[in-house]
C-alpha cells in the first residue's frame, strides 16, 4: 500500500555525503571559474560558520536550521572588540551561505534553503582611496631611481599597472606570452576566465623593454620561466602580490607619499579615475578594468564628482567670500 504524503510536509531529503563544503568549493572553481582568492575567502567563511553552529547542526553546516543561521548573524551584528566583523565581511559570509545552501538543494542534500530569507547588513558604498597625478609621478620618479635589475622591474610593474589598471593578481601572474609581438598590448586572463586585451602606454612599453633585457637576473640558474615577472624566491614561480605590495610601501617612503595610502589596488583606482578625468568614456574604462557590470565602474565618476565639489567649495571666489 502506497503511503499518503501529508500536505505541507516536504519530502525527506537524501542524506548528504561528507565534505559538502569541499564539494561546493570545488564547484565554484570548476564550474563558475571563481578566483582562487574568492574560493579561499568562502572556505574561511563557511568553516567559521560551521564551527560556531556545530551544536545545532550536529557538526555539519548542511544540517543547520534557519533559526541557528539567523542567530549567527545576529551575533555578528552585536559582537564587539576582537569578535566584531565589518558589515562587508558579514555580507560576504551571507552570500557564501546562500550559495552553499542553494547548491545543497540542487544536490538533493536538503529540500530547503534556510539562508534564503536572511537579510544582509546595510552597506554603504565607500569611495576608493585616490592618489593624485602628482603623487603617482613621484612614485614613478622614485622607482626610476631604484638601482639595478630590481629597479627596472619595479619601474615596469609600476608603469604597466598605471597604464592598464590590472588587478594585482593579474599583474604578477602575467605570462610572458601575454605581451603582443609589437609590445603595444597585453592579453589578460581575468575573473571567471574572461580574456581582455589592454593597450600599453609608451612609457609602459619602454619600461618593459628595459626590464626584459635584465629579466634573466630573476631566473634560478638561468632556467626558463613562463612568467613575465619570475621570482627566484617565490614558490609559485612568479613575484607574489604580497612582495609587490611591500615594494610599493618602500617606494612610497622614498617618494614622500604616505605608505598607508599606497597599494596595488589604489594604483588601479588611480588609473581609472585619472583616465576619466582626462575624458575617457566609462565603457572603455570598464573594458580595461575587466568589470562585468558598468555599475562597478561608475563609482569612479562619484569620486570625480566629490573631488570637483570639494575643489569648488575650497577654491571658488564666492565660496571663499562666504567662508569669510
Foldseek 3Di string as FASTA:
>chain_A
DDDDDDPPDDDDFDADDPPLLVVLLVCCCPPQVADPVLSVLLVVLVVVLLVVCCVQQVSDPLRHALVSVLVVLVCQVPDDDPSHDDLVSQVSSLVSLQSSNVVCCVVRNDVDRSSVPDDGDDDDDDFAQADDPVLLVLLLVLLCPDDDLVSLVLNLLSQQCLQQLEDLVQSFQFFPVQADPVRQWGWTQDGSRDIAIGGGDPSNSVSLVVNVVVQLVQDVVSDDDRHSAAHPPDPVGTDDQVVSQVVSLVSCVSSVHHSVSDHSNNSSLHSLLVCVVVPDDLVVNCRSHVPPDSVVSCSSVVVVVVVVVVCCCVPPPVNVVVVD
